[in-house]
PDB file of all heavy atoms in Angstrom:
ATOM      1  N   TYR A   1     -14.389  99.991  95.873  1.00  0.00           N
ATOM      2  CA  TYR A   1     -14.266  99.753  94.439  1.00  0.00           C
ATOM      3  C   TYR A   1     -12.847 100.020  93.949  1.00  0.00           C
ATOM      4  O   TYR A   1     -12.328  99.316  93.079  1.00  0.00           O
ATOM      5  CB  TYR A   1     -15.273 100.606  93.662  1.00  0.00           C
ATOM      6  CG  TYR A   1     -16.700 100.203  93.908  1.00  0.00           C
ATOM      7  CD1 TYR A   1     -17.568 101.010  94.643  1.00  0.00           C
ATOM      8  CD2 TYR A   1     -17.201  99.001  93.412  1.00  0.00           C
ATOM      9  CE1 TYR A   1     -18.875 100.633  94.869  1.00  0.00           C
ATOM     10  CE2 TYR A   1     -18.507  98.611  93.645  1.00  0.00           C
ATOM     11  CZ  TYR A   1     -19.344  99.436  94.374  1.00  0.00           C
ATOM     12  OH  TYR A   1     -20.644  99.057  94.607  1.00  0.00           O
ATOM     13  N   GLY A   2     -12.207 101.034  94.509  1.00  0.00           N
ATOM     14  CA  GLY A   2     -10.823 101.310  94.145  1.00  0.00           C
ATOM     15  C   GLY A   2      -9.888 100.207  94.606  1.00  0.00           C
ATOM     16  O   GLY A   2      -8.984  99.791  93.868  1.00  0.00           O
ATOM     17  N   TYR A   3     -10.107  99.735  95.829  1.00  0.00           N
ATOM     18  CA  TYR A   3      -9.262  98.658  96.361  1.00  0.00           C
ATOM     19  C   TYR A   3      -9.453  97.378  95.557  1.00  0.00           C
ATOM     20  O   TYR A   3      -8.486  96.698  95.198  1.00  0.00           O
ATOM     21  CB  TYR A   3      -9.612  98.429  97.829  1.00  0.00           C
ATOM     22  CG  TYR A   3      -8.775  97.367  98.506  1.00  0.00           C
ATOM     23  CD1 TYR A   3      -7.395  97.500  98.598  1.00  0.00           C
ATOM     24  CD2 TYR A   3      -9.377  96.238  99.057  1.00  0.00           C
ATOM     25  CE1 TYR A   3      -6.622  96.535  99.219  1.00  0.00           C
ATOM     26  CE2 TYR A   3      -8.613  95.267  99.684  1.00  0.00           C
ATOM     27  CZ  TYR A   3      -7.235  95.416  99.759  1.00  0.00           C
ATOM     28  OH  TYR A   3      -6.475  94.447 100.376  1.00  0.00           O
ATOM     29  N   GLN A   4     -10.682  97.056  95.249  1.00  0.00           N
ATOM     30  CA  GLN A   4     -10.983  95.870  94.446  1.00  0.00           C
ATOM     31  C   GLN A   4     -10.311  95.961  93.074  1.00  0.00           C
ATOM     32  O   GLN A   4      -9.748  94.978  92.577  1.00  0.00           O
ATOM     33  CB  GLN A   4     -12.494  95.752  94.273  1.00  0.00           C
ATOM     34  CG  GLN A   4     -12.951  94.624  93.380  1.00  0.00           C
ATOM     35  CD  GLN A   4     -14.471  94.575  93.302  1.00  0.00           C
ATOM     36  OE1 GLN A   4     -15.097  93.760  93.940  1.00  0.00           O
ATOM     37  NE2 GLN A   4     -15.058  95.454  92.522  1.00  0.00           N
ATOM     38  N   ALA A   5     -10.364  97.138  92.461  1.00  0.00           N
ATOM     39  CA  ALA A   5      -9.728  97.335  91.158  1.00  0.00           C
ATOM     40  C   ALA A   5      -8.212  97.176  91.254  1.00  0.00           C
ATOM     41  O   ALA A   5      -7.579  96.584  90.361  1.00  0.00           O
ATOM     42  CB  ALA A   5     -10.086  98.705  90.593  1.00  0.00           C
ATOM     43  N   ARG A   6      -7.607  97.688  92.330  1.00  0.00           N
ATOM     44  CA  ARG A   6      -6.154  97.560  92.491  1.00  0.00           C
ATOM     45  C   ARG A   6      -5.743  96.095  92.638  1.00  0.00           C
ATOM     46  O   ARG A   6      -4.752  95.656  92.049  1.00  0.00           O
ATOM     47  CB  ARG A   6      -5.676  98.375  93.697  1.00  0.00           C
ATOM     48  CG  ARG A   6      -5.765  99.878  93.492  1.00  0.00           C
ATOM     49  CD  ARG A   6      -4.961 100.634  94.526  1.00  0.00           C
ATOM     50  NE  ARG A   6      -5.415 100.410  95.891  1.00  0.00           N
ATOM     51  CZ  ARG A   6      -6.416 101.084  96.472  1.00  0.00           C
ATOM     52  NH1 ARG A   6      -7.072 102.019  95.778  1.00  0.00           N
ATOM     53  NH2 ARG A   6      -6.755 100.848  97.718  1.00  0.00           N
ATOM     54  N   LEU A   7      -6.504  95.343  93.427  1.00  0.00           N
ATOM     55  CA  LEU A   7      -6.188  93.925  93.602  1.00  0.00           C
ATOM     56  C   LEU A   7      -6.323  93.174  92.279  1.00  0.00           C
ATOM     57  O   LEU A   7      -5.518  92.298  91.960  1.00  0.00           O
ATOM     58  CB  LEU A   7      -7.119  93.308  94.643  1.00  0.00           C
ATOM     59  CG  LEU A   7      -6.921  93.734  96.085  1.00  0.00           C
ATOM     60  CD1 LEU A   7      -8.007  93.112  96.971  1.00  0.00           C
ATOM     61  CD2 LEU A   7      -5.542  93.331  96.594  1.00  0.00           C
ATOM     62  N   THR A   8      -7.365  93.507  91.521  1.00  0.00           N
ATOM     63  CA  THR A   8      -7.565  92.860  90.223  1.00  0.00           C
ATOM     64  C   THR A   8      -6.451  93.251  89.265  1.00  0.00           C
ATOM     65  O   THR A   8      -5.895  92.397  88.550  1.00  0.00           O
ATOM     66  CB  THR A   8      -8.931  93.260  89.638  1.00  0.00           C
ATOM     67  OG1 THR A   8      -9.974  92.965  90.575  1.00  0.00           O
ATOM     68  CG2 THR A   8      -9.208  92.499  88.346  1.00  0.00           C
ATOM     69  N   ALA A   9      -6.095  94.534  89.245  1.00  0.00           N
ATOM     70  CA  ALA A   9      -5.040  95.029  88.349  1.00  0.00           C
ATOM     71  C   ALA A   9      -3.699  94.386  88.664  1.00  0.00           C
ATOM     72  O   ALA A   9      -2.914  94.075  87.750  1.00  0.00           O
ATOM     73  CB  ALA A   9      -4.948  96.548  88.460  1.00  0.00           C
ATOM     74  N   ASP A  10      -3.406  94.181  89.951  1.00  0.00           N
ATOM     75  CA  ASP A  10      -2.140  93.553  90.340  1.00  0.00           C
ATOM     76  C   ASP A  10      -2.003  92.170  89.714  1.00  0.00           C
ATOM     77  O   ASP A  10      -0.897  91.752  89.343  1.00  0.00           O
ATOM     78  CB  ASP A  10      -2.052  93.431  91.860  1.00  0.00           C
ATOM     79  CG  ASP A  10      -1.803  94.769  92.541  1.00  0.00           C
ATOM     80  OD1 ASP A  10      -1.438  95.731  91.832  1.00  0.00           O
ATOM     81  OD2 ASP A  10      -1.998  94.846  93.759  1.00  0.00           O
ATOM     82  N   ARG A  11      -3.117  91.460  89.600  1.00  0.00           N
ATOM     83  CA  ARG A  11      -3.095  90.102  89.035  1.00  0.00           C
ATOM     84  C   ARG A  11      -2.977  90.109  87.514  1.00  0.00           C
ATOM     85  O   ARG A  11      -2.692  89.077  86.917  1.00  0.00           O
ATOM     86  CB  ARG A  11      -4.347  89.346  89.490  1.00  0.00           C
ATOM     87  CG  ARG A  11      -4.272  88.942  90.956  1.00  0.00           C
ATOM     88  CD  ARG A  11      -5.627  88.731  91.603  1.00  0.00           C
ATOM     89  NE  ARG A  11      -5.469  88.210  92.962  1.00  0.00           N
ATOM     90  CZ  ARG A  11      -5.146  88.953  94.006  1.00  0.00           C
ATOM     91  NH1 ARG A  11      -4.960  90.248  93.861  1.00  0.00           N
ATOM     92  NH2 ARG A  11      -5.014  88.408  95.204  1.00  0.00           N
ATOM     93  N   LEU A  12      -3.216  91.261  86.914  1.00  0.00           N
ATOM     94  CA  LEU A  12      -3.152  91.376  85.454  1.00  0.00           C
ATOM     95  C   LEU A  12      -2.001  92.249  84.987  1.00  0.00           C
ATOM     96  O   LEU A  12      -1.806  92.420  83.780  1.00  0.00           O
ATOM     97  CB  LEU A  12      -4.472  91.958  84.930  1.00  0.00           C
ATOM     98  CG  LEU A  12      -5.721  91.097  85.146  1.00  0.00           C
ATOM     99  CD1 LEU A  12      -6.970  91.905  84.810  1.00  0.00           C
ATOM    100  CD2 LEU A  12      -5.649  89.831  84.313  1.00  0.00           C
ATOM    101  N   ASN A  13      -1.273  92.824  85.947  1.00  0.00           N
ATOM    102  CA  ASN A  13      -0.193  93.769  85.619  1.00  0.00           C
ATOM    103  C   ASN A  13      -0.721  94.885  84.720  1.00  0.00           C
ATOM    104  O   ASN A  13      -0.156  95.194  83.659  1.00  0.00           O
ATOM    105  CB  ASN A  13       0.982  93.042  84.950  1.00  0.00           C
ATOM    106  CG  ASN A  13       2.239  93.902  84.888  1.00  0.00           C
ATOM    107  OD1 ASN A  13       2.438  94.785  85.726  1.00  0.00           O
ATOM    108  ND2 ASN A  13       3.085  93.653  83.903  1.00  0.00           N
ATOM    109  N   ALA A  14      -1.846  95.467  85.157  1.00  0.00           N
ATOM    110  CA  ALA A  14      -2.527  96.499  84.371  1.00  0.00           C
ATOM    111  C   ALA A  14      -2.784  97.720  85.241  1.00  0.00           C
ATOM    112  O   ALA A  14      -2.766  97.639  86.474  1.00  0.00           O
ATOM    113  CB  ALA A  14      -3.841  95.956  83.817  1.00  0.00           C
ATOM    114  N   PRO A  15      -3.052  98.888  84.639  1.00  0.00           N
ATOM    115  CA  PRO A  15      -3.348 100.100  85.418  1.00  0.00           C
ATOM    116  C   PRO A  15      -4.673  99.953  86.178  1.00  0.00           C
ATOM    117  O   PRO A  15      -5.689  99.567  85.573  1.00  0.00           O
ATOM    118  CB  PRO A  15      -3.457 101.199  84.351  1.00  0.00           C
ATOM    119  CG  PRO A  15      -2.759 100.654  83.157  1.00  0.00           C
ATOM    120  CD  PRO A  15      -2.968  99.169  83.186  1.00  0.00           C
ATOM    121  N   PRO A  16      -4.693 100.260  87.471  1.00  0.00           N
ATOM    122  CA  PRO A  16      -5.927 100.104  88.269  1.00  0.00           C
ATOM    123  C   PRO A  16      -7.123 100.883  87.722  1.00  0.00           C
ATOM    124  O   PRO A  16      -8.249 100.384  87.748  1.00  0.00           O
ATOM    125  CB  PRO A  16      -5.515 100.620  89.652  1.00  0.00           C
ATOM    126  CG  PRO A  16      -4.047 100.386  89.710  1.00  0.00           C
ATOM    127  CD  PRO A  16      -3.552 100.615  88.315  1.00  0.00           C
ATOM    128  N   GLU A  17      -6.899 102.107  87.231  1.00  0.00           N
ATOM    129  CA  GLU A  17      -8.026 102.891  86.718  1.00  0.00           C
ATOM    130  C   GLU A  17      -8.631 102.253  85.470  1.00  0.00           C
ATOM    131  O   GLU A  17      -9.842 102.288  85.266  1.00  0.00           O
ATOM    132  CB  GLU A  17      -7.594 104.330  86.430  1.00  0.00           C
ATOM    133  CG  GLU A  17      -7.453 105.177  87.678  1.00  0.00           C
ATOM    134  CD  GLU A  17      -8.692 105.162  88.545  1.00  0.00           C
ATOM    135  OE1 GLU A  17      -9.812 105.340  87.989  1.00  0.00           O
ATOM    136  OE2 GLU A  17      -8.581 104.955  89.760  1.00  0.00           O
ATOM    137  N   GLN A  18      -7.778 101.662  84.657  1.00  0.00           N
ATOM    138  CA  GLN A  18      -8.282 100.960  83.467  1.00  0.00           C
ATOM    139  C   GLN A  18      -9.130  99.755  83.881  1.00  0.00           C
ATOM    140  O   GLN A  18     -10.199  99.506  83.304  1.00  0.00           O
ATOM    141  CB  GLN A  18      -7.110 100.495  82.608  1.00  0.00           C
ATOM    142  CG  GLN A  18      -7.523  99.643  81.410  1.00  0.00           C
ATOM    143  CD  GLN A  18      -6.312  99.065  80.695  1.00  0.00           C
ATOM    144  OE1 GLN A  18      -5.283  99.730  80.546  1.00  0.00           O
ATOM    145  NE2 GLN A  18      -6.419  97.822  80.261  1.00  0.00           N
ATOM    146  N   ILE A  19      -8.662  99.031  84.883  1.00  0.00           N
ATOM    147  CA  ILE A  19      -9.397  97.851  85.356  1.00  0.00           C
ATOM    148  C   ILE A  19     -10.695  98.269  86.029  1.00  0.00           C
ATOM    149  O   ILE A  19     -11.744  97.627  85.834  1.00  0.00           O
ATOM    150  CB  ILE A  19      -8.526  97.033  86.323  1.00  0.00           C
ATOM    151  CG1 ILE A  19      -7.313  96.469  85.588  1.00  0.00           C
ATOM    152  CG2 ILE A  19      -9.335  95.923  86.968  1.00  0.00           C
ATOM    153  CD1 ILE A  19      -7.651  95.574  84.404  1.00  0.00           C
ATOM    154  N   ARG A  20     -10.654  99.358  86.786  1.00  0.00           N
ATOM    155  CA  ARG A  20     -11.892  99.823  87.417  1.00  0.00           C
ATOM    156  C   ARG A  20     -12.931 100.183  86.362  1.00  0.00           C
ATOM    157  O   ARG A  20     -14.117  99.857  86.514  1.00  0.00           O
ATOM    158  CB  ARG A  20     -11.606 101.019  88.326  1.00  0.00           C
ATOM    159  CG  ARG A  20     -12.848 101.531  89.045  1.00  0.00           C
ATOM    160  CD  ARG A  20     -12.500 102.473  90.160  1.00  0.00           C
ATOM    161  NE  ARG A  20     -13.697 102.905  90.880  1.00  0.00           N
ATOM    162  CZ  ARG A  20     -13.671 103.583  92.023  1.00  0.00           C
ATOM    163  NH1 ARG A  20     -12.511 103.904  92.584  1.00  0.00           N
ATOM    164  NH2 ARG A  20     -14.789 103.947  92.608  1.00  0.00           N
ATOM    165  N   GLU A  21     -12.511 100.853  85.293  1.00  0.00           N
ATOM    166  CA  GLU A  21     -13.440 101.210  84.218  1.00  0.00           C
ATOM    167  C   GLU A  21     -13.982  99.961  83.536  1.00  0.00           C
ATOM    168  O   GLU A  21     -15.175  99.885  83.212  1.00  0.00           O
ATOM    169  CB  GLU A  21     -12.727 102.102  83.203  1.00  0.00           C
ATOM    170  CG  GLU A  21     -13.625 102.673  82.110  1.00  0.00           C
ATOM    171  CD  GLU A  21     -13.897 101.683  80.974  1.00  0.00           C
ATOM    172  OE1 GLU A  21     -13.018 100.828  80.699  1.00  0.00           O
ATOM    173  OE2 GLU A  21     -14.992 101.752  80.377  1.00  0.00           O
ATOM    174  N   SER A  22     -13.123  98.961  83.333  1.00  0.00           N
ATOM    175  CA  SER A  22     -13.561  97.720  82.694  1.00  0.00           C
ATOM    176  C   SER A  22     -14.568  96.977  83.563  1.00  0.00           C
ATOM    177  O   SER A  22     -15.572  96.452  83.054  1.00  0.00           O
ATOM    178  CB  SER A  22     -12.358  96.821  82.410  1.00  0.00           C
ATOM    179  OG  SER A  22     -11.490  97.407  81.460  1.00  0.00           O
ATOM    180  N   LEU A  23     -14.323  96.919  84.862  1.00  0.00           N
ATOM    181  CA  LEU A  23     -15.262  96.238  85.766  1.00  0.00           C
ATOM    182  C   LEU A  23     -16.601  96.971  85.807  1.00  0.00           C
ATOM    183  O   LEU A  23     -17.665  96.338  85.826  1.00  0.00           O
ATOM    184  CB  LEU A  23     -14.663  96.148  87.169  1.00  0.00           C
ATOM    185  CG  LEU A  23     -13.457  95.212  87.323  1.00  0.00           C
ATOM    186  CD1 LEU A  23     -12.891  95.310  88.731  1.00  0.00           C
ATOM    187  CD2 LEU A  23     -13.837  93.770  87.004  1.00  0.00           C
ATOM    188  N   GLU A  24     -16.551  98.290  85.814  1.00  0.00           N
ATOM    189  CA  GLU A  24     -17.784  99.075  85.820  1.00  0.00           C
ATOM    190  C   GLU A  24     -18.589  98.812  84.545  1.00  0.00           C
ATOM    191  O   GLU A  24     -19.806  98.588  84.588  1.00  0.00           O
ATOM    192  CB  GLU A  24     -17.458 100.560  85.936  1.00  0.00           C
ATOM    193  CG  GLU A  24     -18.662 101.473  85.992  1.00  0.00           C
ATOM    194  CD  GLU A  24     -19.453 101.342  87.276  1.00  0.00           C
ATOM    195  OE1 GLU A  24     -18.888 100.876  88.293  1.00  0.00           O
ATOM    196  OE2 GLU A  24     -20.653 101.692  87.261  1.00  0.00           O
ATOM    197  N   ARG A  25     -17.899  98.814  83.400  1.00  0.00           N
ATOM    198  CA  ARG A  25     -18.577  98.655  82.107  1.00  0.00           C
ATOM    199  C   ARG A  25     -19.057  97.224  81.881  1.00  0.00           C
ATOM    200  O   ARG A  25     -20.194  97.005  81.446  1.00  0.00           O
ATOM    201  CB  ARG A  25     -17.614  99.074  80.995  1.00  0.00           C
ATOM    202  CG  ARG A  25     -18.144  98.855  79.588  1.00  0.00           C
ATOM    203  CD  ARG A  25     -17.207  99.498  78.565  1.00  0.00           C
ATOM    204  NE  ARG A  25     -15.821  99.142  78.792  1.00  0.00           N
ATOM    205  CZ  ARG A  25     -15.237  98.037  78.285  1.00  0.00           C
ATOM    206  NH1 ARG A  25     -15.935  97.212  77.531  1.00  0.00           N
ATOM    207  NH2 ARG A  25     -13.960  97.792  78.524  1.00  0.00           N
ATOM    208  N   LEU A  26     -18.223  96.247  82.214  1.00  0.00           N
ATOM    209  CA  LEU A  26     -18.541  94.861  81.865  1.00  0.00           C
ATOM    210  C   LEU A  26     -19.347  94.142  82.930  1.00  0.00           C
ATOM    211  O   LEU A  26     -20.211  93.316  82.600  1.00  0.00           O
ATOM    212  CB  LEU A  26     -17.243  94.082  81.616  1.00  0.00           C
ATOM    213  CG  LEU A  26     -16.402  94.554  80.427  1.00  0.00           C
ATOM    214  CD1 LEU A  26     -15.045  93.861  80.429  1.00  0.00           C
ATOM    215  CD2 LEU A  26     -17.132  94.292  79.119  1.00  0.00           C
ATOM    216  N   VAL A  27     -19.077  94.435  84.193  1.00  0.00           N
ATOM    217  CA  VAL A  27     -19.727  93.706  85.289  1.00  0.00           C
ATOM    218  C   VAL A  27     -20.884  94.505  85.873  1.00  0.00           C
ATOM    219  O   VAL A  27     -22.046  94.085  85.809  1.00  0.00           O
ATOM    220  CB  VAL A  27     -18.709  93.350  86.395  1.00  0.00           C
ATOM    221  CG1 VAL A  27     -19.407  92.664  87.562  1.00  0.00           C
ATOM    222  CG2 VAL A  27     -17.607  92.445  85.830  1.00  0.00           C
ATOM    223  N   TYR A  28     -20.587  95.660  86.426  1.00  0.00           N
ATOM    224  CA  TYR A  28     -21.620  96.389  87.162  1.00  0.00           C
ATOM    225  C   TYR A  28     -22.716  96.950  86.257  1.00  0.00           C
ATOM    226  O   TYR A  28     -23.880  97.017  86.659  1.00  0.00           O
ATOM    227  CB  TYR A  28     -20.975  97.492  87.997  1.00  0.00           C
ATOM    228  CG  TYR A  28     -20.170  96.928  89.147  1.00  0.00           C
ATOM    229  CD1 TYR A  28     -18.782  96.882  89.109  1.00  0.00           C
ATOM    230  CD2 TYR A  28     -20.807  96.386  90.255  1.00  0.00           C
ATOM    231  CE1 TYR A  28     -18.040  96.335  90.147  1.00  0.00           C
ATOM    232  CE2 TYR A  28     -20.081  95.840  91.303  1.00  0.00           C
ATOM    233  CZ  TYR A  28     -18.696  95.812  91.245  1.00  0.00           C
ATOM    234  OH  TYR A  28     -17.982  95.260  92.277  1.00  0.00           O
ATOM    235  N   LYS A  29     -22.356  97.334  85.044  1.00  0.00           N
ATOM    236  CA  LYS A  29     -23.361  97.793  84.090  1.00  0.00           C
ATOM    237  C   LYS A  29     -23.668  96.733  83.028  1.00  0.00           C
ATOM    238  O   LYS A  29     -24.804  96.617  82.585  1.00  0.00           O
ATOM    239  CB  LYS A  29     -22.901  99.089  83.413  1.00  0.00           C
ATOM    240  CG  LYS A  29     -22.831 100.277  84.362  1.00  0.00           C
ATOM    241  CD  LYS A  29     -22.389 101.543  83.636  1.00  0.00           C
ATOM    242  CE  LYS A  29     -22.343 102.729  84.601  1.00  0.00           C
ATOM    243  NZ  LYS A  29     -21.842 103.970  83.937  1.00  0.00           N
ATOM    244  N   GLY A  30     -22.661  95.953  82.663  1.00  0.00           N
ATOM    245  CA  GLY A  30     -22.814  95.006  81.579  1.00  0.00           C
ATOM    246  C   GLY A  30     -23.735  93.843  81.875  1.00  0.00           C
ATOM    247  O   GLY A  30     -24.381  93.296  80.968  1.00  0.00           O
ATOM    248  N   PHE A  31     -23.818  93.434  83.146  1.00  0.00           N
ATOM    249  CA  PHE A  31     -24.687  92.318  83.503  1.00  0.00           C
ATOM    250  C   PHE A  31     -26.170  92.716  83.492  1.00  0.00           C
ATOM    251  O   PHE A  31     -27.044  91.879  83.276  1.00  0.00           O
ATOM    252  CB  PHE A  31     -24.340  91.792  84.892  1.00  0.00           C
ATOM    253  CG  PHE A  31     -23.068  90.986  84.969  1.00  0.00           C
ATOM    254  CD1 PHE A  31     -22.161  90.963  83.918  1.00  0.00           C
ATOM    255  CD2 PHE A  31     -22.764  90.257  86.107  1.00  0.00           C
ATOM    256  CE1 PHE A  31     -20.979  90.231  83.997  1.00  0.00           C
ATOM    257  CE2 PHE A  31     -21.598  89.517  86.204  1.00  0.00           C
ATOM    258  CZ  PHE A  31     -20.693  89.502  85.153  1.00  0.00           C
ATOM    259  N   VAL A  32     -26.445  93.986  83.739  1.00  0.00           N
ATOM    260  CA  VAL A  32     -27.815  94.431  84.025  1.00  0.00           C
ATOM    261  C   VAL A  32     -28.815  94.164  82.901  1.00  0.00           C
ATOM    262  O   VAL A  32     -29.923  93.668  83.164  1.00  0.00           O
ATOM    263  CB  VAL A  32     -27.819  95.930  84.415  1.00  0.00           C
ATOM    264  CG1 VAL A  32     -29.240  96.479  84.461  1.00  0.00           C
ATOM    265  CG2 VAL A  32     -27.132  96.115  85.761  1.00  0.00           C
ATOM    266  N   PRO A  33     -28.513  94.459  81.623  1.00  0.00           N
ATOM    267  CA  PRO A  33     -29.519  94.247  80.572  1.00  0.00           C
ATOM    268  C   PRO A  33     -30.008  92.804  80.459  1.00  0.00           C
ATOM    269  O   PRO A  33     -31.138  92.564  80.025  1.00  0.00           O
ATOM    270  CB  PRO A  33     -28.783  94.686  79.296  1.00  0.00           C
ATOM    271  CG  PRO A  33     -27.733  95.635  79.768  1.00  0.00           C
ATOM    272  CD  PRO A  33     -27.296  95.108  81.092  1.00  0.00           C
ATOM    273  N   HIS A  34     -29.180  91.850  80.854  1.00  0.00           N
ATOM    274  CA  HIS A  34     -29.582  90.447  80.757  1.00  0.00           C
ATOM    275  C   HIS A  34     -30.792  90.130  81.642  1.00  0.00           C
ATOM    276  O   HIS A  34     -31.524  89.174  81.378  1.00  0.00           O
ATOM    277  CB  HIS A  34     -28.416  89.538  81.139  1.00  0.00           C
ATOM    278  CG  HIS A  34     -27.250  89.626  80.190  1.00  0.00           C
ATOM    279  ND1 HIS A  34     -27.249  89.025  78.950  1.00  0.00           N
ATOM    280  CD2 HIS A  34     -26.063  90.268  80.293  1.00  0.00           C
ATOM    281  CE1 HIS A  34     -26.109  89.278  78.333  1.00  0.00           C
ATOM    282  NE2 HIS A  34     -25.367  90.034  79.123  1.00  0.00           N
ATOM    283  N   PHE A  35     -30.992  90.946  82.660  1.00  0.00           N
ATOM    284  CA  PHE A  35     -32.092  90.672  83.587  1.00  0.00           C
ATOM    285  C   PHE A  35     -33.460  90.968  82.986  1.00  0.00           C
ATOM    286  O   PHE A  35     -34.475  90.581  83.543  1.00  0.00           O
ATOM    287  CB  PHE A  35     -31.892  91.459  84.890  1.00  0.00           C
ATOM    288  CG  PHE A  35     -30.823  90.862  85.763  1.00  0.00           C
ATOM    289  CD1 PHE A  35     -29.494  91.155  85.558  1.00  0.00           C
ATOM    290  CD2 PHE A  35     -31.159  89.981  86.776  1.00  0.00           C
ATOM    291  CE1 PHE A  35     -28.503  90.592  86.337  1.00  0.00           C
ATOM    292  CE2 PHE A  35     -30.175  89.411  87.574  1.00  0.00           C
ATOM    293  CZ  PHE A  35     -28.843  89.704  87.345  1.00  0.00           C
ATOM    294  N   LEU A  36     -33.484  91.639  81.836  1.00  0.00           N
ATOM    295  CA  LEU A  36     -34.759  91.853  81.143  1.00  0.00           C
ATOM    296  C   LEU A  36     -35.346  90.542  80.639  1.00  0.00           C
ATOM    297  O   LEU A  36     -36.553  90.448  80.407  1.00  0.00           O
ATOM    298  CB  LEU A  36     -34.565  92.819  79.975  1.00  0.00           C
ATOM    299  CG  LEU A  36     -34.340  94.285  80.339  1.00  0.00           C
ATOM    300  CD1 LEU A  36     -33.853  95.060  79.120  1.00  0.00           C
ATOM    301  CD2 LEU A  36     -35.610  94.899  80.905  1.00  0.00           C
ATOM    302  N   LYS A  37     -34.498  89.541  80.464  1.00  0.00           N
ATOM    303  CA  LYS A  37     -34.948  88.264  79.919  1.00  0.00           C
ATOM    304  C   LYS A  37     -34.849  87.127  80.937  1.00  0.00           C
ATOM    305  O   LYS A  37     -34.981  85.959  80.588  1.00  0.00           O
ATOM    306  CB  LYS A  37     -34.134  87.920  78.670  1.00  0.00           C
ATOM    307  CG  LYS A  37     -34.333  88.919  77.536  1.00  0.00           C
ATOM    308  CD  LYS A  37     -33.574  88.514  76.288  1.00  0.00           C
ATOM    309  CE  LYS A  37     -33.813  89.510  75.160  1.00  0.00           C
ATOM    310  NZ  LYS A  37     -33.081  89.140  73.923  1.00  0.00           N
TER     311      LYS A  37
END
C-alpha cells in the first residue's frame, strides 16, 4: 500500500502519505457503501 501510494503520488507531484490517506478514504472505504444497493 505504501509503494502503491508513492507511485500514485509521483504522478501527481503530491506527498505519498496524503495520497495513501486519499486512496484509503475514497477507494478502499469509499467504494464499500455502494455495495448495499
